[in-house]
């Protein structure tokens, strides 16, 4: 909850905070005031340049952190002072070594991409009761010299800059990070393919409005609704692995040698999905404003008054952003749980009506909001003068 997090930061006098990019975006979107005394540490997934620029303007010293869980936990750090250059993951911390290796396991030349390996005191002993995977990922260190030294293959592709900083270029496999969670796309694909109506399924990550979203691409055996696909995945996967949107295809695109061409998968249209629930358009000023807030936050073309946010593609983060905008627009002290309990336009208006002692007050606030939006700047100044 962004508002609660801001209150905690301000009231406790925190001087340093470590969070994922998703959490920093949540904080900034919730109206976090500028705090040049706060040291900002960002890690867990790739740091977007746009977020880096926002944090440079709002916080004190700002560091980008990198390190897989297997290296317990940070391996490199980078002081971000500008967004003019690439956002590096920096240089290794104490008691840590980093190596960028080519396909032959040799050190890659300066500037050449290769597989990032990490060694040093931070390495885990291995994976619990998985000796085969441990042997695959943790290999002897041919460069360290110490007896028993090992390297962990991060699965990330990286290269060294001239000043020794490391630039991370992405994943070598289909493992991705979304909102700080490490996700194997194949696990979601297997879950979708297990549905009796799904013939083929591929999952990809697409970025929309600065947020990474999981998109499911499905070829059907027989017609299946998005609502049913959402419910199916929700039964078997955690919330952060449920696709935000589904795209139905007649066939998956293939490369000339017959493999799935992930680069040719179309971008989602970001339209209201085909829900089992009938679409009912907003009928009042309050419903119109609440629907517009949801549309703008989720990037959709329209939202029905009874549409469930989470069936539309919302996750806990985007739902929090919706709640923050609803609080501001309707002047509500609305706990986040109220939105989770009633995740639709009609539910939000009912919550607002209870807090304001009646729907009439909510509608009056909405009408005034729409009226102000239509005013010119001169008319707004004139209205403020009259109020004063």
Protein backbone atom coordinates (compact mmCIF):
# COMPACT_ATOMS: atom_id res chain seq x y z
CA UNK A 1 0.00 0.00 0.00
CA UNK A 2 1.83 3.10 -1.27
CA UNK A 3 0.08 5.54 1.06
CA UNK A 4 0.88 3.43 4.13
CA UNK A 5 4.48 3.03 3.02
CA UNK A 6 4.86 6.81 2.65
CA UNK A 7 3.42 7.32 6.14
CA UNK A 8 5.89 4.80 7.58
CA UNK A 9 8.87 6.41 5.84
CA UNK A 10 7.94 9.89 7.03
CA UNK A 11 6.98 8.97 10.61
CA UNK A 12 9.97 6.72 11.29
CA UNK A 13 12.66 8.95 9.79
CA UNK A 14 14.08 6.12 7.68
CA UNK A 15 17.48 6.98 6.15
CA UNK A 16 17.90 3.99 3.79
CA UNK A 17 15.47 1.76 1.93
CA UNK A 18 16.01 -1.25 -0.32
CA UNK A 19 13.21 -2.27 -2.70
CA UNK A 20 12.45 -3.67 -6.13
CA UNK A 21 11.74 -1.33 -9.07
CA UNK A 22 8.05 -2.24 -8.78
CA UNK A 23 7.93 -1.03 -5.17
CA UNK A 24 9.84 2.18 -5.95
CA UNK A 25 7.38 2.91 -8.78
CA UNK A 26 4.50 2.26 -6.39
CA UNK A 27 5.97 4.72 -3.89
CA UNK A 28 6.50 7.42 -6.52
CA UNK A 29 3.05 6.92 -8.05
CA UNK A 30 1.49 7.30 -4.59
CA UNK A 31 2.87 10.84 -4.20
CA UNK A 32 6.07 10.23 -2.21
CA UNK A 33 7.57 13.64 -1.33
CA UNK A 34 11.16 14.44 -2.21
CA UNK A 35 13.60 13.15 0.43
CA UNK A 36 17.26 13.91 -0.23
CA UNK A 37 18.21 12.30 3.10
CA UNK A 38 17.04 8.85 2.00
CA UNK A 39 19.58 6.47 0.50
CA UNK A 40 17.76 4.46 -2.18
CA UNK A 41 18.84 0.88 -2.96
CA UNK A 42 17.16 -0.74 -5.96
CA UNK A 43 17.45 -4.42 -6.88
CA UNK A 44 15.56 -7.62 -7.64
CA UNK A 45 15.14 -7.00 -11.37
CA UNK A 46 16.47 -4.75 -14.12
CA UNK A 47 16.37 -1.04 -13.27
CA UNK A 48 14.46 0.91 -15.97
CA UNK A 49 16.07 4.16 -17.09
CA UNK A 50 12.81 6.06 -16.51
CA UNK A 51 12.68 4.94 -12.87
CA UNK A 52 16.35 5.81 -12.40
CA UNK A 53 15.65 9.36 -13.57
CA UNK A 54 12.72 9.70 -11.16
CA UNK A 55 14.73 8.42 -8.19
CA UNK A 56 17.70 10.66 -8.96
CA UNK A 57 15.34 13.62 -8.69
CA UNK A 58 13.57 12.47 -5.50
CA UNK A 59 16.12 10.68 -3.28
CA UNK A 60 19.61 11.06 -1.89
CA UNK A 61 22.42 8.63 -2.84
CA UNK A 62 21.03 5.98 -5.18
CA UNK A 63 22.50 2.52 -5.80
CA UNK A 64 21.60 -0.23 -8.28
CA UNK A 65 22.08 -3.67 -6.73
CA UNK A 66 22.53 -7.02 -8.48
CA UNK A 67 22.71 -10.57 -7.19
CA UNK A 68 20.81 -13.84 -7.54
CA UNK A 69 19.48 -15.62 -4.46
CA UNK A 70 22.13 -18.31 -5.04
CA UNK A 71 24.86 -15.75 -4.22
CA UNK A 72 23.17 -14.68 -0.94
CA UNK A 73 22.36 -12.10 -1.97
CA UNK A 74 23.97 -9.03 -3.53
CA UNK A 75 27.02 -9.57 -5.72
CA UNK A 76 27.60 -6.20 -7.39
CA UNK A 77 26.59 -2.57 -6.75
CA UNK A 78 26.60 0.58 -8.84
CA UNK A 79 26.17 4.20 -7.71
CA UNK A 80 23.67 5.75 -10.15
CA UNK A 81 24.55 9.40 -10.73
CA UNK A 82 23.18 9.96 -14.24
CA UNK A 83 20.98 8.33 -16.86
CA UNK A 84 23.16 9.53 -19.75
CA UNK A 85 25.08 6.23 -19.75
CA UNK A 86 23.78 2.65 -19.53
CA UNK A 87 22.43 1.65 -16.11
CA UNK A 88 25.21 -0.71 -15.02
CA UNK A 89 25.03 -3.34 -12.29
CA UNK A 90 28.48 -2.16 -11.22
CA UNK A 91 31.43 -3.98 -9.72
CA UNK A 92 31.67 -6.90 -7.27
CA UNK A 93 31.35 -6.26 -3.55
CA UNK A 94 33.95 -7.48 -1.02
CA UNK A 95 34.76 -11.22 -1.01
CA UNK A 96 33.03 -11.63 -4.40
CA UNK A 97 34.43 -12.30 -7.87
CA UNK A 98 32.69 -11.90 -11.22
CA UNK A 99 33.65 -13.45 -14.57
CA UNK A 100 32.10 -13.05 -18.02
CA UNK A 101 32.74 -16.22 -20.01
CA UNK A 102 32.34 -17.08 -23.68
CA UNK A 103 30.76 -20.27 -25.05
CA UNK A 104 34.03 -22.15 -24.43
CA UNK A 105 34.18 -21.19 -20.76
CA UNK A 106 37.03 -18.73 -21.36
CA UNK A 107 37.15 -15.09 -20.27
CA UNK A 108 35.29 -12.93 -22.80
CA UNK A 109 37.16 -9.90 -24.23
CA UNK A 110 36.36 -6.43 -22.91
CA UNK A 111 33.01 -5.29 -24.31
CA UNK A 112 32.05 -8.72 -25.66
CA UNK A 113 28.83 -10.30 -24.31
CA UNK A 114 29.08 -13.52 -22.38
CA UNK A 115 27.64 -15.54 -19.53
CA UNK A 116 27.95 -13.87 -16.13
CA UNK A 117 29.42 -16.10 -13.41
CA UNK A 118 29.81 -15.19 -9.74
CA UNK A 119 32.26 -16.64 -7.22
CA UNK A 120 33.28 -15.88 -3.65
CA UNK A 121 32.16 -16.25 -0.06
CA UNK A 122 28.49 -15.53 -0.81
CA UNK A 123 27.77 -18.65 -2.85
CA UNK A 124 25.15 -21.04 -1.51
CA UNK A 125 26.14 -24.67 -1.03
CA UNK A 126 23.62 -25.70 -3.68
CA UNK A 127 19.98 -26.59 -4.22
CA UNK A 128 18.26 -28.59 -1.50
CA UNK A 129 18.13 -32.27 -2.43
CA UNK A 130 18.85 -31.49 -6.11
CA UNK A 131 22.44 -32.65 -6.68
CA UNK A 132 22.09 -32.72 -10.46
CA UNK A 133 21.02 -29.08 -10.71
CA UNK A 134 23.65 -28.10 -8.16
CA UNK A 135 26.38 -29.73 -10.27
CA UNK A 136 25.05 -27.99 -13.39
CA UNK A 137 24.90 -24.47 -11.94
CA UNK A 138 27.81 -24.54 -9.42
CA UNK A 139 31.05 -25.48 -11.16
CA UNK A 140 34.73 -25.45 -10.10
CA UNK A 141 36.42 -22.03 -10.34
CA UNK A 142 39.36 -22.31 -12.77
CA UNK A 143 40.43 -18.72 -12.13
CA UNK A 144 40.36 -18.26 -8.34
CA UNK A 145 43.17 -20.58 -7.33
CA UNK A 146 41.69 -21.46 -3.91
CA UNK A 147 41.01 -25.15 -3.25
CA UNK A 148 37.32 -25.98 -3.63
CA UNK A 149 36.39 -22.56 -5.06
CA UNK A 150 33.29 -22.58 -7.25
CA UNK A 151 31.43 -20.34 -9.69
CA UNK A 152 27.69 -19.90 -10.05
CA UNK A 153 26.29 -19.51 -13.58
CA UNK A 154 23.68 -16.75 -13.19
CA UNK A 155 22.07 -17.33 -16.60
CA UNK A 156 22.44 -13.61 -17.33
CA UNK A 157 24.22 -12.24 -20.39
CA UNK A 158 26.56 -9.35 -19.58
CA UNK A 159 29.65 -7.46 -20.72
CA UNK A 160 32.35 -5.31 -19.17
CA UNK A 161 32.51 -1.58 -19.86
CA UNK A 162 35.90 0.10 -20.24
CA UNK A 163 35.84 1.33 -16.64
CA UNK A 164 35.25 -2.19 -15.28
CA UNK A 165 31.53 -1.80 -14.62
CA UNK A 166 29.27 -4.64 -15.73
CA UNK A 167 26.31 -4.08 -18.03
CA UNK A 168 23.61 -6.76 -17.78
CA UNK A 169 22.04 -7.47 -21.19
CA UNK A 170 19.26 -9.89 -20.19
CA UNK A 171 18.58 -13.58 -19.66
CA UNK A 172 20.18 -16.39 -21.62
CA UNK A 173 17.12 -18.60 -21.17
CA UNK A 174 13.39 -18.04 -20.82
CA UNK A 175 13.52 -17.27 -17.13
CA UNK A 176 12.30 -13.74 -16.49
CA UNK A 177 11.78 -11.36 -13.60
CA UNK A 178 8.49 -9.52 -13.24
CA UNK A 179 7.81 -7.27 -10.23
CA UNK A 180 10.84 -8.77 -8.51
CA UNK A 181 9.67 -12.40 -8.89
CA UNK A 182 11.77 -14.91 -10.77
CA UNK A 183 9.47 -16.76 -13.17
CA UNK A 184 9.99 -19.74 -15.46
CA UNK A 185 7.74 -19.07 -18.45
CA UNK A 186 7.67 -22.79 -19.22
CA UNK A 187 5.87 -23.51 -15.95
CA UNK A 188 3.01 -21.18 -16.93
CA UNK A 189 2.92 -22.64 -20.44
CA UNK A 190 2.63 -26.19 -19.08
CA UNK A 191 -0.24 -25.11 -16.84
CA UNK A 192 -2.13 -23.57 -19.76
CA UNK A 193 -1.54 -26.58 -22.00
CA UNK A 194 -3.04 -28.82 -19.31
CA UNK A 195 -6.44 -27.17 -19.87
CA UNK A 196 -8.63 -29.41 -22.02
CA UNK A 197 -9.56 -26.55 -24.38
CA UNK A 198 -5.96 -25.41 -25.03
CA UNK A 199 -3.99 -26.96 -27.87
CA UNK A 200 -0.83 -24.84 -27.67
CA UNK A 201 0.35 -22.08 -25.36
CA UNK A 202 3.28 -19.69 -25.15
CA UNK A 203 3.89 -17.01 -22.52
CA UNK A 204 5.94 -13.86 -23.09
CA UNK A 205 6.69 -10.62 -21.27
CA UNK A 206 5.56 -7.33 -22.74
CA UNK A 207 6.10 -3.85 -21.32
CA UNK A 208 3.17 -1.43 -21.11
CA UNK A 209 3.26 1.98 -19.40
CA UNK A 210 6.60 1.16 -17.81
CA UNK A 211 5.34 -2.10 -16.28
CA UNK A 212 6.25 -5.62 -17.33
CA UNK A 213 3.25 -7.88 -17.90
CA UNK A 214 2.88 -11.57 -18.63
CA UNK A 215 0.93 -12.29 -21.82
CA UNK A 216 -0.48 -15.73 -22.61
CA UNK A 217 -0.77 -16.74 -26.29
CA UNK A 218 -3.22 -19.60 -26.80
CA UNK A 219 -4.27 -21.84 -29.70
CA UNK A 220 -7.59 -23.47 -28.79
CA UNK A 221 -8.89 -27.02 -29.19
CA UNK A 222 -12.32 -25.57 -28.50
CA UNK A 223 -13.48 -22.11 -27.45
CA UNK A 224 -12.53 -21.05 -23.94
CA UNK A 225 -13.13 -17.69 -22.26
CA UNK A 226 -10.48 -15.49 -20.72
CA UNK A 227 -12.36 -15.73 -17.42
CA UNK A 228 -11.97 -19.50 -17.45
CA UNK A 229 -8.26 -19.31 -18.34
CA UNK A 230 -7.72 -16.85 -15.49
CA UNK A 231 -9.55 -19.11 -13.04
CA UNK A 232 -7.61 -22.17 -14.26
CA UNK A 233 -4.21 -20.57 -13.77
CA UNK A 234 -5.26 -19.02 -10.46
CA UNK A 235 -6.05 -22.48 -9.08
CA UNK A 236 -2.58 -23.78 -9.90
CA UNK A 237 -0.17 -20.82 -9.82
CA UNK A 238 0.65 -17.93 -7.47
CA UNK A 239 -0.81 -14.52 -8.30
CA UNK A 240 2.43 -13.14 -9.77
CA UNK A 241 2.50 -15.92 -12.40
CA UNK A 242 -1.02 -15.35 -13.76
CA UNK A 243 -0.96 -13.68 -17.23
CA UNK A 244 -2.36 -10.17 -17.28
CA UNK A 245 -3.81 -10.70 -20.75
CA UNK A 246 -4.48 -13.49 -23.23
CA UNK A 247 -4.19 -13.42 -27.01
CA UNK A 248 -5.93 -16.13 -29.03
CA UNK A 249 -4.17 -17.24 -32.23
CA UNK A 250 -5.06 -19.61 -35.03
CA UNK A 251 -1.47 -20.90 -34.95
CA UNK A 252 1.77 -19.99 -33.21
CA UNK A 253 4.39 -18.26 -35.41
CA UNK A 254 7.31 -20.51 -36.34
CA UNK A 255 10.88 -19.97 -37.49
CA UNK A 256 12.05 -21.60 -40.76
CA UNK A 257 13.38 -24.60 -38.80
CA UNK A 258 10.02 -25.14 -37.09
CA UNK A 259 10.68 -23.64 -33.66
CA UNK A 260 8.28 -21.19 -32.03
CA UNK A 261 9.25 -17.67 -33.11
CA UNK A 262 8.77 -15.71 -29.89
CA UNK A 263 9.89 -12.50 -31.57
CA UNK A 264 6.95 -12.75 -33.99
CA UNK A 265 4.28 -13.00 -31.30
CA UNK A 266 1.91 -10.03 -31.72
CA UNK A 267 1.54 -7.33 -29.10
CA UNK A 268 -1.72 -7.53 -27.17
CA UNK A 269 -4.40 -5.04 -28.18
CA UNK A 270 -4.97 -3.97 -24.54
CA UNK A 271 -8.71 -4.05 -25.09
CA UNK A 272 -11.33 -5.33 -22.65
CA UNK A 273 -10.93 -9.14 -22.69
CA UNK A 274 -13.74 -11.52 -23.59
CA UNK A 275 -15.21 -12.03 -20.13
CA UNK A 276 -18.16 -14.26 -19.32
CA UNK A 277 -19.73 -11.30 -17.53
CA UNK A 278 -21.86 -9.04 -19.74
CA UNK A 279 -20.47 -5.57 -20.43
CA UNK A 280 -22.47 -2.79 -18.73
CA UNK A 281 -21.32 0.74 -19.56
CA UNK A 282 -20.94 3.38 -16.83
CA UNK A 283 -24.29 5.04 -16.12
CA UNK A 284 -23.41 7.92 -13.78
CA UNK A 285 -20.68 10.53 -13.38
CA UNK A 286 -19.08 8.59 -10.51
CA UNK A 287 -19.06 5.33 -12.47
CA UNK A 288 -17.63 7.16 -15.50
CA UNK A 289 -14.71 8.54 -13.49
CA UNK A 290 -13.99 5.25 -11.67
CA UNK A 291 -14.08 3.34 -14.98
CA UNK A 292 -11.75 5.86 -16.62
CA UNK A 293 -9.23 5.54 -13.76
CA UNK A 294 -9.22 1.77 -14.18
CA UNK A 295 -8.93 2.04 -17.99
CA UNK A 296 -6.00 4.46 -17.81
CA UNK A 297 -4.16 2.44 -15.16
CA UNK A 298 -4.60 -0.93 -16.91
CA UNK A 299 -4.28 0.45 -20.44
CA UNK A 300 -7.71 -0.78 -21.58
CA UNK A 301 -10.18 0.73 -24.00
CA UNK A 302 -13.27 0.23 -21.82
CA UNK A 303 -14.35 -1.25 -18.49
CA UNK A 304 -17.83 -2.41 -17.47
CA UNK A 305 -19.22 -1.39 -14.09
CA UNK A 306 -19.28 -5.01 -12.85
CA UNK A 307 -15.97 -6.14 -14.40
CA UNK A 308 -13.54 -7.66 -11.91
CA UNK A 309 -10.19 -5.78 -11.95
CA UNK A 310 -8.20 -8.99 -11.68
CA UNK A 311 -10.03 -10.63 -14.58
CA UNK A 312 -9.17 -7.51 -16.58
CA UNK A 313 -5.44 -8.07 -15.96
CA UNK A 314 -4.78 -6.16 -12.74
CA UNK A 315 -2.27 -7.45 -10.22
CA UNK A 316 -1.63 -6.36 -6.64
CA UNK A 317 0.65 -3.54 -7.83
CA UNK A 318 -1.67 -2.06 -10.47
CA UNK A 319 -4.65 -2.47 -8.11
CA UNK A 320 -2.75 -0.39 -5.57
CA UNK A 321 -2.27 2.32 -8.20
CA UNK A 322 -6.00 2.26 -8.94
CA UNK A 323 -6.74 2.62 -5.23
CA UNK A 324 -4.37 5.59 -4.90
CA UNK A 325 -6.09 7.45 -7.75
CA UNK A 326 -9.56 6.64 -6.42
CA UNK A 327 -8.57 7.95 -2.98
CA UNK A 328 -7.38 11.21 -4.49
CA UNK A 329 -10.33 11.69 -6.86
CA UNK A 330 -13.12 10.86 -4.41
CA UNK A 331 -11.27 12.26 -1.36
CA UNK A 332 -11.45 8.90 0.40
CA UNK A 333 -9.56 7.37 3.29
CA UNK A 334 -10.12 3.98 1.67
CA UNK A 335 -8.03 1.01 2.87
CA UNK A 336 -6.54 -1.06 0.06
CA UNK A 337 -8.42 -4.15 1.28
CA UNK A 338 -11.73 -2.47 0.37
CA UNK A 339 -10.72 -2.49 -3.29
CA UNK A 340 -9.66 -6.14 -3.07
CA UNK A 341 -12.99 -7.02 -1.46
CA UNK A 342 -15.01 -5.15 -4.12
CA UNK A 343 -12.72 -5.04 -7.21
CA UNK A 344 -15.10 -3.39 -9.69
CA UNK A 345 -16.53 0.03 -10.50
CA UNK A 346 -19.87 -0.67 -8.82
CA UNK A 347 -18.12 -1.97 -5.70
CA UNK A 348 -15.89 1.09 -5.48
CA UNK A 349 -18.86 3.45 -5.70
CA UNK A 350 -20.65 1.53 -2.95
CA UNK A 351 -17.59 1.83 -0.69
CA UNK A 352 -17.38 5.56 -1.43
CA UNK A 353 -21.11 6.00 -0.73
CA UNK A 354 -20.76 4.35 2.68
CA UNK A 355 -17.82 6.57 3.58
CA UNK A 356 -19.58 9.76 2.44
CA UNK A 357 -22.93 8.82 3.96
CA UNK A 358 -24.76 8.45 0.68
CA UNK A 359 -24.38 8.07 -3.07
CA UNK A 360 -25.61 11.62 -3.70
CA UNK A 361 -22.43 13.10 -2.21
CA UNK A 362 -20.25 10.81 -4.31
CA UNK A 363 -22.09 11.80 -7.47
CA UNK A 364 -21.74 15.49 -6.58
CA UNK A 365 -17.96 15.10 -6.17
CA UNK A 366 -17.84 13.31 -9.53
CA UNK A 367 -19.87 16.00 -11.29
CA UNK A 368 -17.62 18.73 -9.85
CA UNK A 369 -14.55 16.79 -10.97
CA UNK A 370 -15.88 16.51 -14.53
CA UNK A 371 -16.81 20.20 -14.52
CA UNK A 372 -13.31 21.27 -13.43
CA UNK A 373 -11.73 19.06 -16.11
CA UNK A 374 -13.70 20.92 -18.78
CA UNK A 375 -12.68 24.37 -17.55
CA UNK A 376 -9.90 26.38 -19.11
CA UNK A 377 -7.03 27.59 -16.91
CA UNK A 378 -8.54 31.11 -16.82
CA UNK A 379 -11.90 29.69 -15.75
CA UNK A 380 -10.22 27.67 -13.00
CA UNK A 381 -8.48 30.83 -11.72
CA UNK A 382 -11.80 32.69 -11.79
CA UNK A 383 -13.52 29.86 -9.89
CA UNK A 384 -10.79 29.82 -7.26
CA UNK A 385 -11.05 33.58 -6.85
CA UNK A 386 -14.80 33.28 -6.26
CA UNK A 387 -14.24 30.56 -3.67
CA UNK A 388 -11.59 32.67 -1.93
